[in-house]
C-alpha atoms as a PDB file:
ATOM      1  CA  MET A   1       0.115  -0.088  -0.149  1.00  0.00           C
ATOM      2  CA  TRP A   2       2.105   3.342  -1.104  1.00  0.00           C
ATOM      3  CA  ASN A   3      -0.648   5.887  -0.771  1.00  0.00           C
ATOM      4  CA  ARG A   4      -4.340   5.921   0.477  1.00  0.00           C
ATOM      5  CA  ARG A   5      -5.572   5.043  -2.737  1.00  0.00           C
ATOM      6  CA  GLY A   6      -2.644   2.709  -3.760  1.00  0.00           C
ATOM      7  CA  TRP A   7      -0.892  -0.284  -2.209  1.00  0.00           C
ATOM      8  CA  CYS A   8       1.420   1.517   0.114  1.00  0.00           C
ATOM      9  CA  ARG A   9      -0.205   4.748   1.331  1.00  0.00           C
ATOM     10  CA  LEU A  10       2.559   7.152   0.290  1.00  0.00           C
ATOM     11  CA  SER A  11       1.583  10.724   0.829  1.00  0.00           C
ATOM     12  CA  ALA A  12       4.274  13.126  -0.744  1.00  0.00           C
ATOM     13  CA  SER A  13       2.995  15.872   1.513  1.00  0.00           C
ATOM     14  CA  ALA A  14       3.004  14.080   4.714  1.00  0.00           C
ATOM     15  CA  LEU A  15       4.158  15.925   7.553  1.00  0.00           C
ATOM     16  CA  LEU A  16       5.217  13.888  10.804  1.00  0.00           C
ATOM     17  CA  GLY A  17       5.952  16.384  13.163  1.00  0.00           C
ATOM     18  CA  GLY A  18       7.763  15.633  16.551  1.00  0.00           C
ATOM     19  CA  SER A  19       7.999  11.945  15.785  1.00  0.00           C
ATOM     20  CA  LEU A  20      10.014  12.578  12.696  1.00  0.00           C
ATOM     21  CA  SER A  21      12.074  15.302  14.027  1.00  0.00           C
ATOM     22  CA  SER A  22      13.227  13.098  16.935  1.00  0.00           C
ATOM     23  CA  VAL A  23      14.360  10.262  14.791  1.00  0.00           C
ATOM     24  CA  ARG A  24      16.059  12.879  12.261  1.00  0.00           C
ATOM     25  CA  ALA A  25      18.086  13.970  15.322  1.00  0.00           C
ATOM     26  CA  GLN A  26      19.554  10.503  15.867  1.00  0.00           C
ATOM     27  CA  ALA A  27      19.992   9.588  12.447  1.00  0.00           C
ATOM     28  CA  SER A  28      23.048  10.851  10.168  1.00  0.00           C
ATOM     29  CA  PRO A  29      23.078  11.149   6.488  1.00  0.00           C
ATOM     30  CA  ALA A  30      25.280   8.102   6.539  1.00  0.00           C
ATOM     31  CA  PRO A  31      25.669   5.434   8.899  1.00  0.00           C
ATOM     32  CA  ALA A  32      28.224   6.537  11.793  1.00  0.00           C
ATOM     33  CA  GLY A  33      30.367   4.500  13.860  1.00  0.00           C
ATOM     34  CA  ARG A  34      29.694   3.749  17.739  1.00  0.00           C
ATOM     35  CA  GLN A  35      31.639   1.549  19.588  1.00  0.00           C
ATOM     36  CA  GLY A  36      33.194  -0.254  16.562  1.00  0.00           C
ATOM     37  CA  ALA A  37      29.705  -1.053  15.168  1.00  0.00           C
ATOM     38  CA  ALA A  38      28.201   0.832  12.216  1.00  0.00           C
ATOM     39  CA  ARG A  39      25.059   2.626  13.199  1.00  0.00           C
ATOM     40  CA  VAL A  40      21.919   2.152  11.158  1.00  0.00           C
ATOM     41  CA  VAL A  41      18.478   3.242  11.615  1.00  0.00           C
ATOM     42  CA  VAL A  42      15.596   1.269  10.198  1.00  0.00           C
ATOM     43  CA  ALA A  43      12.164   2.562  10.064  1.00  0.00           C
ATOM     44  CA  VAL A  44       8.949   0.221  10.164  1.00  0.00           C
ATOM     45  CA  ASP A  45       5.265   0.522  10.558  1.00  0.00           C
ATOM     46  CA  ASN A  46       3.659  -2.167  12.982  1.00  0.00           C
ATOM     47  CA  LYS A  47       6.942  -3.803  14.088  1.00  0.00           C
ATOM     48  CA  ALA A  48       4.827  -6.590  15.723  1.00  0.00           C
ATOM     49  CA  SER A  49       3.138  -7.720  12.431  1.00  0.00           C
ATOM     50  CA  PHE A  50       4.064 -11.240  11.406  1.00  0.00           C
ATOM     51  CA  CYS A  51       5.014  -9.756   8.189  1.00  0.00           C
ATOM     52  CA  TYR A  52       7.852  -8.112   9.621  1.00  0.00           C
ATOM     53  CA  LEU A  53       8.839 -10.550  12.163  1.00  0.00           C
ATOM     54  CA  PRO A  54      12.009 -11.591  10.737  1.00  0.00           C
ATOM     55  CA  LEU A  55      13.215  -7.839  11.378  1.00  0.00           C
ATOM     56  CA  THR A  56      12.352  -8.625  15.209  1.00  0.00           C
ATOM     57  CA  ILE A  57      14.279 -11.914  15.240  1.00  0.00           C
ATOM     58  CA  ALA A  58      17.462 -10.459  13.731  1.00  0.00           C
ATOM     59  CA  GLU A  59      17.439  -7.779  16.445  1.00  0.00           C
ATOM     60  CA  ARG A  60      16.532 -10.044  19.480  1.00  0.00           C
ATOM     61  CA  LEU A  61      18.908 -12.760  18.709  1.00  0.00           C
ATOM     62  CA  GLY A  62      21.856 -10.474  18.304  1.00  0.00           C
ATOM     63  CA  TYR A  63      22.194 -11.345  14.526  1.00  0.00           C
ATOM     64  CA  PHE A  64      22.787  -7.408  13.707  1.00  0.00           C
ATOM     65  CA  SER A  65      25.449  -7.033  16.369  1.00  0.00           C
ATOM     66  CA  ALA A  66      27.103 -10.404  15.244  1.00  0.00           C
ATOM     67  CA  GLU A  67      27.443  -8.471  11.573  1.00  0.00           C
ATOM     68  CA  GLY A  68      28.958  -5.643  13.457  1.00  0.00           C
ATOM     69  CA  LEU A  69      26.043  -3.400  13.188  1.00  0.00           C
ATOM     70  CA  ASP A  70      24.242  -0.879  15.807  1.00  0.00           C
ATOM     71  CA  VAL A  71      20.754  -1.203  14.365  1.00  0.00           C
ATOM     72  CA  GLN A  72      17.958   1.224  15.903  1.00  0.00           C
ATOM     73  CA  ILE A  73      14.600   0.066  14.725  1.00  0.00           C
ATOM     74  CA  ARG A  74      12.178   3.347  14.757  1.00  0.00           C
ATOM     75  CA  GLU A  75       8.519   2.381  14.734  1.00  0.00           C
ATOM     76  CA  PHE A  76       5.741   4.667  13.088  1.00  0.00           C
ATOM     77  CA  ALA A  77       2.093   4.556  13.087  1.00  0.00           C
ATOM     78  CA  GLU A  78       1.776   3.967   9.234  1.00  0.00           C
ATOM     79  CA  ALA A  79       3.579   2.894   6.268  1.00  0.00           C
ATOM     80  CA  ASN A  80       3.627   6.105   4.668  1.00  0.00           C
ATOM     81  CA  GLN A  81       5.464   7.705   7.841  1.00  0.00           C
ATOM     82  CA  SER A  82       8.012   4.929   7.680  1.00  0.00           C
ATOM     83  CA  VAL A  83       8.376   5.726   3.963  1.00  0.00           C
ATOM     84  CA  GLN A  84       8.780   9.401   4.677  1.00  0.00           C
ATOM     85  CA  ALA A  85      11.316   8.875   7.259  1.00  0.00           C
ATOM     86  CA  VAL A  86      13.737   7.115   4.654  1.00  0.00           C
ATOM     87  CA  LEU A  87      12.999   9.837   1.883  1.00  0.00           C
ATOM     88  CA  SER A  88      13.543  12.707   4.426  1.00  0.00           C
ATOM     89  CA  GLY A  89      17.061  11.226   5.399  1.00  0.00           C
ATOM     90  CA  ALA A  90      15.596  10.564   9.273  1.00  0.00           C
ATOM     91  CA  ALA A  91      16.413   6.742   8.421  1.00  0.00           C
ATOM     92  CA  HIS A  92      18.653   4.815   6.159  1.00  0.00           C
ATOM     93  CA  LEU A  93      16.697   1.849   5.312  1.00  0.00           C
ATOM     94  CA  TYR A  94      13.116   0.804   5.862  1.00  0.00           C
ATOM     95  CA  SER A  95      11.171  -2.532   6.266  1.00  0.00           C
ATOM     96  CA  GLY A  96       7.954  -2.478   4.399  1.00  0.00           C
ATOM     97  CA  GLY A  97       6.013  -3.891   1.559  1.00  0.00           C
ATOM     98  CA  TYR A  98       8.074  -4.465  -1.808  1.00  0.00           C
ATOM     99  CA  SER A  99       5.259  -2.864  -3.737  1.00  0.00           C
ATOM    100  CA  SER A 100       6.394   0.337  -2.279  1.00  0.00           C
ATOM    101  CA  THR A 101       9.831   0.378  -4.453  1.00  0.00           C
ATOM    102  CA  ILE A 102       7.600   0.460  -7.751  1.00  0.00           C
ATOM    103  CA  GLY A 103       5.355   3.353  -6.518  1.00  0.00           C
ATOM    104  CA  LEU A 104       8.481   5.174  -5.412  1.00  0.00           C
ATOM    105  CA  GLN A 105      10.116   4.613  -8.888  1.00  0.00           C
ATOM    106  CA  ALA A 106       7.060   5.672 -10.698  1.00  0.00           C
ATOM    107  CA  ARG A 107       7.231   9.062  -8.688  1.00  0.00           C
ATOM    108  CA  GLY A 108      11.036   9.471  -9.726  1.00  0.00           C
ATOM    109  CA  HIS A 109      12.548   7.822  -6.350  1.00  0.00           C
ATOM    110  CA  SER A 110      14.918   5.001  -6.996  1.00  0.00           C
ATOM    111  CA  TYR A 111      14.562   2.427  -4.113  1.00  0.00           C
ATOM    112  CA  GLN A 112      15.256  -1.049  -4.104  1.00  0.00           C
ATOM    113  CA  SER A 113      14.475  -4.218  -1.920  1.00  0.00           C
ATOM    114  CA  ILE A 114      17.726  -5.701  -0.683  1.00  0.00           C
ATOM    115  CA  VAL A 115      16.280  -8.831   0.995  1.00  0.00           C
ATOM    116  CA  LEU A 116      12.778 -10.209   0.990  1.00  0.00           C
ATOM    117  CA  GLN A 117      11.269 -11.168   4.342  1.00  0.00           C
ATOM    118  CA  GLY A 118       7.915 -12.341   3.024  1.00  0.00           C
ATOM    119  CA  ARG A 119       6.806 -14.147  -0.085  1.00  0.00           C
ATOM    120  CA  ALA A 120       2.992 -13.837   0.702  1.00  0.00           C
ATOM    121  CA  PRO A 121       1.254 -10.793   2.293  1.00  0.00           C
ATOM    122  CA  GLN A 122      -0.553 -12.918   4.891  1.00  0.00           C
ATOM    123  CA  ILE A 123      -4.041 -11.667   4.169  1.00  0.00           C
ATOM    124  CA  VAL A 124      -7.177 -13.782   4.364  1.00  0.00           C
ATOM    125  CA  LEU A 125     -10.851 -13.290   3.239  1.00  0.00           C
ATOM    126  CA  GLY A 126     -13.450 -15.135   5.066  1.00  0.00           C
ATOM    127  CA  VAL A 127     -17.107 -15.267   5.477  1.00  0.00           C
ATOM    128  CA  SER A 128     -19.291 -15.491   8.670  1.00  0.00           C
ATOM    129  CA  GLN A 129     -20.920 -19.012   9.349  1.00  0.00           C
ATOM    130  CA  ASN A 130     -23.590 -17.416  11.047  1.00  0.00           C
ATOM    131  CA  THR A 131     -24.956 -14.607   8.795  1.00  0.00           C
ATOM    132  CA  MET A 132     -23.332 -16.141   5.586  1.00  0.00           C
ATOM    133  CA  GLY A 133     -24.079 -20.042   6.259  1.00  0.00           C
ATOM    134  CA  TYR A 134     -25.470 -20.116   2.514  1.00  0.00           C
ATOM    135  CA  TYR A 135     -22.241 -18.797   1.154  1.00  0.00           C
ATOM    136  CA  ARG A 136     -21.262 -20.639  -2.310  1.00  0.00           C
ATOM    137  CA  GLN A 137     -19.492 -17.721  -4.448  1.00  0.00           C
ATOM    138  CA  LEU A 138     -18.188 -14.481  -4.207  1.00  0.00           C
ATOM    139  CA  ARG A 139     -21.178 -12.722  -5.805  1.00  0.00           C
ATOM    140  CA  ASP A 140     -22.788 -13.728  -2.676  1.00  0.00           C
ATOM    141  CA  LEU A 141     -21.141 -10.878  -0.994  1.00  0.00           C
ATOM    142  CA  ARG A 142     -23.147  -8.332  -3.290  1.00  0.00           C
ATOM    143  CA  GLY A 143     -24.813  -5.764  -0.563  1.00  0.00           C
ATOM    144  CA  LYS A 144     -22.986  -7.349   2.519  1.00  0.00           C
ATOM    145  CA  LYS A 145     -20.512  -5.730   5.071  1.00  0.00           C
ATOM    146  CA  ILE A 146     -16.918  -6.712   4.962  1.00  0.00           C
ATOM    147  CA  GLY A 147     -14.381  -5.778   7.625  1.00  0.00           C
ATOM    148  CA  ILE A 148     -11.251  -4.540   6.563  1.00  0.00           C
ATOM    149  CA  MET A 149      -8.121  -3.092   8.460  1.00  0.00           C
ATOM    150  CA  GLY A 150      -8.773   0.612   6.897  1.00  0.00           C
ATOM    151  CA  PRO A 151      -9.229   2.427   3.731  1.00  0.00           C
ATOM    152  CA  GLY A 152      -6.525   1.788   1.383  1.00  0.00           C
ATOM    153  CA  SER A 153      -4.791  -0.974   3.444  1.00  0.00           C
ATOM    154  CA  THR A 154      -3.599  -4.117   1.954  1.00  0.00           C
ATOM    155  CA  SER A 155      -6.601  -6.048   3.301  1.00  0.00           C
ATOM    156  CA  HIS A 156      -8.842  -3.567   1.393  1.00  0.00           C
ATOM    157  CA  ARG A 157      -7.120  -3.880  -1.549  1.00  0.00           C
ATOM    158  CA  VAL A 158      -7.248  -7.738  -1.635  1.00  0.00           C
ATOM    159  CA  ALA A 159     -10.821  -7.666  -0.678  1.00  0.00           C
ATOM    160  CA  ARG A 160     -11.314  -5.329  -3.957  1.00  0.00           C
ATOM    161  CA  LEU A 161      -9.192  -7.804  -6.249  1.00  0.00           C
ATOM    162  CA  LEU A 162     -11.100 -10.514  -5.250  1.00  0.00           C
ATOM    163  CA  LEU A 163     -14.304  -9.032  -5.802  1.00  0.00           C
ATOM    164  CA  ALA A 164     -13.629  -7.627  -8.938  1.00  0.00           C
ATOM    165  CA  ARG A 165     -13.218 -10.986 -10.454  1.00  0.00           C
ATOM    166  CA  ALA A 166     -16.797 -11.744  -9.516  1.00  0.00           C
ATOM    167  CA  ARG A 167     -17.721  -8.379 -11.237  1.00  0.00           C
ATOM    168  CA  LEU A 168     -18.568  -6.779  -7.833  1.00  0.00           C
ATOM    169  CA  GLY A 169     -17.776  -3.054  -7.665  1.00  0.00           C
ATOM    170  CA  ALA A 170     -16.623  -1.303  -4.702  1.00  0.00           C
ATOM    171  CA  GLN A 171     -20.323   0.450  -4.375  1.00  0.00           C
ATOM    172  CA  GLU A 172     -21.715  -2.956  -4.467  1.00  0.00           C
ATOM    173  CA  VAL A 173     -20.466  -3.982  -0.958  1.00  0.00           C
ATOM    174  CA  GLN A 174     -19.907  -1.870   2.229  1.00  0.00           C
ATOM    175  CA  TYR A 175     -16.499  -1.853   3.816  1.00  0.00           C
ATOM    176  CA  ILE A 176     -16.309  -1.497   7.747  1.00  0.00           C
ATOM    177  CA  SER A 177     -12.884  -0.051   8.749  1.00  0.00           C
ATOM    178  CA  LEU A 178     -11.561  -1.992  11.815  1.00  0.00           C
ATOM    179  CA  PRO A 179      -7.945  -0.889  12.755  1.00  0.00           C
ATOM    180  CA  ASN A 180      -7.295  -3.330  15.586  1.00  0.00           C
ATOM    181  CA  ALA A 181      -7.656  -7.012  16.541  1.00  0.00           C
ATOM    182  CA  ALA A 182     -10.000  -6.392  19.326  1.00  0.00           C
ATOM    183  CA  SER A 183     -12.591  -4.497  17.126  1.00  0.00           C
ATOM    184  CA  ALA A 184     -12.276  -6.717  14.340  1.00  0.00           C
ATOM    185  CA  ILE A 185     -12.836  -9.823  16.420  1.00  0.00           C
ATOM    186  CA  GLY A 186     -15.771  -8.450  18.151  1.00  0.00           C
ATOM    187  CA  ALA A 187     -17.547  -6.970  15.030  1.00  0.00           C
ATOM    188  CA  PHE A 188     -17.495 -10.340  13.256  1.00  0.00           C
ATOM    189  CA  ARG A 189     -18.495 -12.396  16.224  1.00  0.00           C
ATOM    190  CA  GLY A 190     -21.197  -9.912  16.964  1.00  0.00           C
ATOM    191  CA  GLY A 191     -22.929 -10.395  13.529  1.00  0.00           C
ATOM    192  CA  GLN A 192     -21.957  -6.503  12.673  1.00  0.00           C
ATOM    193  CA  ILE A 193     -20.119  -7.810   9.370  1.00  0.00           C
ATOM    194  CA  ASP A 194     -20.760 -10.468   7.039  1.00  0.00           C
ATOM    195  CA  ALA A 195     -17.300 -11.111   6.039  1.00  0.00           C
ATOM    196  CA  ILE A 196     -13.653 -10.133   6.763  1.00  0.00           C
ATOM    197  CA  CYS A 197     -10.377  -9.657   4.969  1.00  0.00           C
ATOM    198  CA  TYR A 198      -7.689  -9.255   7.658  1.00  0.00           C
ATOM    199  CA  SER A 199      -4.223 -10.648   8.591  1.00  0.00           C
ATOM    200  CA  ASP A 200      -3.173 -13.112  11.762  1.00  0.00           C
ATOM    201  CA  PRO A 201      -3.887 -13.695  14.512  1.00  0.00           C
ATOM    202  CA  VAL A 202      -7.369 -12.488  13.829  1.00  0.00           C
ATOM    203  CA  ILE A 203      -8.186 -14.754  11.280  1.00  0.00           C
ATOM    204  CA  THR A 204      -6.643 -17.834  13.314  1.00  0.00           C
ATOM    205  CA  ALA A 205      -8.782 -16.515  16.465  1.00  0.00           C
ATOM    206  CA  LEU A 206     -12.155 -16.634  14.359  1.00  0.00           C
ATOM    207  CA  GLU A 207     -11.114 -19.904  12.654  1.00  0.00           C
ATOM    208  CA  GLN A 208     -10.579 -21.495  16.064  1.00  0.00           C
ATOM    209  CA  GLY A 209     -13.728 -20.662  17.316  1.00  0.00           C
ATOM    210  CA  GLY A 210     -15.525 -22.262  14.040  1.00  0.00           C
ATOM    211  CA  ALA A 211     -17.319 -18.850  13.018  1.00  0.00           C
ATOM    212  CA  LEU A 212     -15.264 -18.156   9.883  1.00  0.00           C
ATOM    213  CA  ARG A 213     -15.072 -19.960   6.563  1.00  0.00           C
ATOM    214  CA  VAL A 214     -12.086 -19.302   4.807  1.00  0.00           C
ATOM    215  CA  VAL A 215     -12.644 -17.852   1.109  1.00  0.00           C
ATOM    216  CA  ALA A 216      -9.000 -16.995   0.065  1.00  0.00           C
ATOM    217  CA  ASP A 217      -5.947 -17.433   1.891  1.00  0.00           C
ATOM    218  CA  THR A 218      -2.463 -15.652   0.950  1.00  0.00           C
ATOM    219  CA  ARG A 219      -0.750 -17.118   4.093  1.00  0.00           C
ATOM    220  CA  THR A 220       0.536 -20.068   1.691  1.00  0.00           C
ATOM    221  CA  VAL A 221       2.601 -19.993  -1.387  1.00  0.00           C
ATOM    222  CA  ARG A 222      -0.370 -21.830  -3.273  1.00  0.00           C
ATOM    223  CA  GLY A 223      -3.156 -19.469  -1.976  1.00  0.00           C
ATOM    224  CA  ASN A 224      -0.939 -16.483  -2.810  1.00  0.00           C
ATOM    225  CA  ALA A 225      -0.659 -17.684  -6.369  1.00  0.00           C
ATOM    226  CA  GLU A 226      -4.715 -18.416  -6.498  1.00  0.00           C
ATOM    227  CA  VAL A 227      -5.228 -14.869  -5.428  1.00  0.00           C
ATOM    228  CA  PHE A 228      -2.563 -12.981  -7.411  1.00  0.00           C
ATOM    229  CA  GLY A 229      -1.937 -15.101 -10.272  1.00  0.00           C
ATOM    230  CA  GLY A 230       1.621 -15.651  -9.657  1.00  0.00           C
ATOM    231  CA  PRO A 231       4.208 -15.004  -6.477  1.00  0.00           C
ATOM    232  CA  MET A 232       3.335 -11.855  -4.635  1.00  0.00           C
ATOM    233  CA  PRO A 233       6.540 -10.367  -2.552  1.00  0.00           C
ATOM    234  CA  ALA A 234       5.666  -8.705   0.649  1.00  0.00           C
ATOM    235  CA  GLY A 235       7.651  -7.417   3.388  1.00  0.00           C
ATOM    236  CA  SER A 236      11.302  -6.198   2.307  1.00  0.00           C
ATOM    237  CA  LEU A 237      14.139  -4.512   3.275  1.00  0.00           C
ATOM    238  CA  ILE A 238      14.438  -1.249   1.320  1.00  0.00           C
ATOM    239  CA  ALA A 239      16.858   1.344   0.745  1.00  0.00           C
ATOM    240  CA  SER A 240      17.819   4.176  -1.892  1.00  0.00           C
ATOM    241  CA  ALA A 241      19.874   3.139  -4.762  1.00  0.00           C
ATOM    242  CA  GLU A 242      22.493   5.802  -3.758  1.00  0.00           C
ATOM    243  CA  PHE A 243      22.850   4.321  -0.139  1.00  0.00           C
ATOM    244  CA  ILE A 244      23.273   0.720  -1.671  1.00  0.00           C
ATOM    245  CA  GLY A 245      26.152   2.192  -3.986  1.00  0.00           C
ATOM    246  CA  SER A 246      27.793   3.931  -1.098  1.00  0.00           C
ATOM    247  CA  TYR A 247      27.562   1.286   1.729  1.00  0.00           C
ATOM    248  CA  PRO A 248      27.296  -2.102  -0.048  1.00  0.00           C
ATOM    249  CA  ARG A 249      29.261  -3.781   2.766  1.00  0.00           C
ATOM    250  CA  LEU A 250      26.821  -2.209   5.200  1.00  0.00           C
ATOM    251  CA  CYS A 251      23.851  -3.545   3.031  1.00  0.00           C
ATOM    252  CA  GLN A 252      25.439  -6.950   2.795  1.00  0.00           C
ATOM    253  CA  ALA A 253      25.972  -7.234   6.649  1.00  0.00           C
ATOM    254  CA  MET A 254      21.922  -6.322   6.988  1.00  0.00           C
ATOM    255  CA  THR A 255      21.019  -8.948   4.577  1.00  0.00           C
ATOM    256  CA  ASP A 256      23.451 -11.533   6.120  1.00  0.00           C
ATOM    257  CA  ALA A 257      21.592 -10.955   9.431  1.00  0.00           C
ATOM    258  CA  MET A 258      18.069 -11.288   7.911  1.00  0.00           C
ATOM    259  CA  VAL A 259      18.513 -14.191   5.944  1.00  0.00           C
ATOM    260  CA  HIS A 260      19.951 -15.590   8.979  1.00  0.00           C
ATOM    261  CA  ALA A 261      16.851 -14.751  10.982  1.00  0.00           C
ATOM    262  CA  LEU A 262      14.494 -16.403   7.934  1.00  0.00           C
ATOM    263  CA  LYS A 263      16.717 -19.541   8.278  1.00  0.00           C
ATOM    264  CA  TRP A 264      16.162 -19.445  12.110  1.00  0.00           C
ATOM    265  CA  LEU A 265      12.354 -19.193  11.530  1.00  0.00           C
ATOM    266  CA  GLN A 266      12.035 -22.131   9.144  1.00  0.00           C
ATOM    267  CA  THR A 267      12.788 -24.594  12.146  1.00  0.00           C
ATOM    268  CA  ALA A 268      11.841 -22.470  15.244  1.00  0.00           C
ATOM    269  CA  GLY A 269       9.510 -24.259  17.722  1.00  0.00           C
ATOM    270  CA  PRO A 270       7.148 -22.859  19.963  1.00  0.00           C
ATOM    271  CA  SER A 271       9.674 -22.472  23.124  1.00  0.00           C
ATOM    272  CA  ASP A 272      11.934 -20.931  20.615  1.00  0.00           C
ATOM    273  CA  ILE A 273       9.197 -18.465  19.450  1.00  0.00           C
ATOM    274  CA  ILE A 274       7.993 -17.637  23.408  1.00  0.00           C
ATOM    275  CA  LYS A 275      11.658 -17.115  24.509  1.00  0.00           C
ATOM    276  CA  THR A 276      12.506 -14.558  21.563  1.00  0.00           C
ATOM    277  CA  VAL A 277       9.360 -12.769  20.813  1.00  0.00           C
ATOM    278  CA  PRO A 278       8.564  -9.501  22.735  1.00  0.00           C
ATOM    279  CA  GLU A 279       5.785 -10.505  25.084  1.00  0.00           C
ATOM    280  CA  ARG A 280       3.470  -7.352  23.775  1.00  0.00           C
ATOM    281  CA  TYR A 281       3.394  -9.388  20.612  1.00  0.00           C
ATOM    282  CA  PHE A 282       1.410 -12.224  22.190  1.00  0.00           C
ATOM    283  CA  GLN A 283      -1.515  -9.670  22.923  1.00  0.00           C
ATOM    284  CA  GLY A 284      -2.462 -11.854  26.190  1.00  0.00           C
ATOM    285  CA  ASP A 285      -2.657 -15.018  24.326  1.00  0.00           C
ATOM    286  CA  ARG A 286       0.360 -16.965  23.718  1.00  0.00           C
ATOM    287  CA  ALA A 287      -1.461 -19.896  22.263  1.00  0.00           C
ATOM    288  CA  LEU A 288      -3.278 -18.124  19.387  1.00  0.00           C
ATOM    289  CA  TYR A 289       0.061 -16.357  18.459  1.00  0.00           C
ATOM    290  CA  LEU A 290       1.755 -19.790  18.249  1.00  0.00           C
ATOM    291  CA  ALA A 291      -1.309 -21.130  16.182  1.00  0.00           C
ATOM    292  CA  ALA A 292      -1.010 -18.144  13.925  1.00  0.00           C
ATOM    293  CA  PHE A 293       2.721 -18.471  13.606  1.00  0.00           C
ATOM    294  CA  SER A 294       2.192 -21.952  12.590  1.00  0.00           C
ATOM    295  CA  ARG A 295       0.166 -20.997   9.954  1.00  0.00           C
ATOM    296  CA  ALA A 296       2.269 -17.992   8.532  1.00  0.00           C
ATOM    297  CA  ARG A 297       5.576 -19.937   8.423  1.00  0.00           C
ATOM    298  CA  GLU A 298       5.350 -20.936   4.643  1.00  0.00           C
ATOM    299  CA  ALA A 299       4.631 -17.205   4.089  1.00  0.00           C
ATOM    300  CA  TRP A 300       8.251 -16.320   4.995  1.00  0.00           C
ATOM    301  CA  ALA A 301      10.944 -16.068   2.298  1.00  0.00           C
ATOM    302  CA  PRO A 302      13.425 -18.978   3.193  1.00  0.00           C
ATOM    303  CA  ASP A 303      16.342 -17.232   1.614  1.00  0.00           C
ATOM    304  CA  GLY A 304      15.689 -13.497   1.288  1.00  0.00           C
ATOM    305  CA  VAL A 305      15.805 -14.072  -2.878  1.00  0.00           C
ATOM    306  CA  MET A 306      13.068 -12.257  -4.910  1.00  0.00           C
ATOM    307  CA  PRO A 307      11.099 -14.794  -7.098  1.00  0.00           C
ATOM    308  CA  ASP A 308      11.619 -14.421 -10.744  1.00  0.00           C
ATOM    309  CA  ARG A 309       7.984 -13.587 -11.452  1.00  0.00           C
ATOM    310  CA  GLY A 310       7.411 -11.607  -8.164  1.00  0.00           C
ATOM    311  CA  PRO A 311       8.054  -8.174  -9.364  1.00  0.00           C
ATOM    312  CA  ASP A 312       5.610  -8.281 -12.358  1.00  0.00           C
ATOM    313  CA  THR A 313       2.931  -9.921 -10.485  1.00  0.00           C
ATOM    314  CA  ALA A 314       3.187  -6.959  -8.075  1.00  0.00           C
ATOM    315  CA  ALA A 315       3.296  -4.240 -10.633  1.00  0.00           C
ATOM    316  CA  ARG A 316       0.418  -6.178 -12.523  1.00  0.00           C
ATOM    317  CA  VAL A 317      -1.795  -5.860  -9.260  1.00  0.00           C
ATOM    318  CA  LEU A 318      -0.910  -2.320  -8.432  1.00  0.00           C
ATOM    319  CA  ALA A 319      -1.738  -1.225 -12.069  1.00  0.00           C
ATOM    320  CA  GLN A 320      -5.378  -2.362 -11.391  1.00  0.00           C
ATOM    321  CA  PHE A 321      -5.896  -0.076  -8.361  1.00  0.00           C
ATOM    322  CA  ASP A 322      -3.451   3.211  -8.730  1.00  0.00           C
ATOM    323  CA  ASP A 323      -4.395   6.300 -10.578  1.00  0.00           C
ATOM    324  CA  THR A 324      -1.024   6.560 -11.876  1.00  0.00           C
ATOM    325  CA  ALA A 325      -1.189   3.184 -13.873  1.00  0.00           C
ATOM    326  CA  GLN A 326       0.537   4.929 -16.922  1.00  0.00           C
ATOM    327  CA  ARG A 327       3.412   5.675 -14.747  1.00  0.00           C
ATOM    328  CA  LEU A 328       3.715   2.267 -13.714  1.00  0.00           C
ATOM    329  CA  GLN A 329       4.180   1.085 -17.212  1.00  0.00           C
ATOM    330  CA  ARG A 330       7.521   3.156 -17.389  1.00  0.00           C
ATOM    331  CA  VAL A 331       8.903   1.483 -14.349  1.00  0.00           C
ATOM    332  CA  ASP A 332      11.981  -0.682 -14.962  1.00  0.00           C
ATOM    333  CA  LEU A 333      11.357  -3.442 -12.410  1.00  0.00           C
ATOM    334  CA  ALA A 334      14.802  -4.567 -12.710  1.00  0.00           C
ATOM    335  CA  ARG A 335      15.814  -1.653 -10.735  1.00  0.00           C
ATOM    336  CA  THR A 336      13.338  -1.990  -7.785  1.00  0.00           C
ATOM    337  CA  PHE A 337      14.930  -5.039  -6.048  1.00  0.00           C
ATOM    338  CA  THR A 338      18.610  -6.622  -6.111  1.00  0.00           C
ATOM    339  CA  ASN A 339      19.390 -10.279  -5.366  1.00  0.00           C
ATOM    340  CA  GLU A 340      23.119  -9.548  -5.046  1.00  0.00           C
ATOM    341  CA  PHE A 341      23.225  -9.489  -1.382  1.00  0.00           C
ATOM    342  CA  ALA A 342      20.730 -12.204  -0.631  1.00  0.00           C
ATOM    343  CA  ARG A 343      22.379 -14.780  -2.973  1.00  0.00           C
ATOM    344  CA  LYS A 344      25.685 -14.003  -0.895  1.00  0.00           C
ATOM    345  CA  ALA A 345      24.031 -14.432   2.504  1.00  0.00           C
ATOM    346  CA  LYS A 346      22.104 -17.625   1.253  1.00  0.00           C
ATOM    347  CA  ALA A 347      25.461 -19.032   0.559  1.00  0.00           C
ATOM    348  CA  LYS A 348      26.956 -17.915   3.635  1.00  0.00           C
ATOM    349  CA  TYR A 349      24.010 -19.468   5.753  1.00  0.00           C
ATOM    350  CA  ARG A 350      23.106 -22.192   3.700  1.00  0.00           C
ATOM    351  CA  ALA A 351      19.662 -21.075   3.600  1.00  0.00           C
END
């Protein structure tokens, strides 16, 4: 979501006020050494999201430190704010959706994904067993209420994409914004919405209660391909082409740490997660988090490498929704990512 009407909710005129100013004061235009380690500021929105869990794992297990890095992660409320932090020089890299690199290039900014964290957005569309027990096809959603994370969010886009295939326009359903897990679960169980397009752990909680029937699932590689027509790259670690060219060793070190984390996630068990993930991520229900984690495991990239058809899929999906589709056609997708660092890290850690 790169602007409120696109995939990454970018806003060129966004003013971040105090939160951005405080980060700018701590981030220099280039990495600065501290106690022998290279200091790097990474911006991210919703750090606790499953989509960006590899970033947390690399931080918590000391993988960044092991690579000679002093990484400071700055969390923002929305994706457009973390992107703006990098554009303004307040952060060196940002952890966000790969699709944002396409949107940025369409607007004249050269940014690249240096390592892929997720190979699926982890969004699920499901219908209520209580209000829609008769459900047979997507067209049955005409006139119904669908819960989403918010206008312009990834969940909103996935819902619109699926309904468009059933020839249902945006005006033929009612989208209800449910910005947090508690409100989403409450609205669904209370019958205030007929369907929901959301991420975990909300979906897993509703599945466990038997209230949800899954219609489309992008937590798996197969489900991802069914929804998007090909591999749809998601969370990435992104930097400007200028930064990458100026600090290739630092980018390699960052990628090495991330691929190390991705490899750890492939085999991590429940006890590993409980010991490593911050308690606040569990939101008071460890069992639910672990259940959702097991569902999401396939969605993380195993080695940080961008899949061959991933950029094409992302561009095609963006073109269906963005109001600058003509600009997107001029984007050079080969310049929106690099596999150079990930391949070296893959070899290093045998990922």
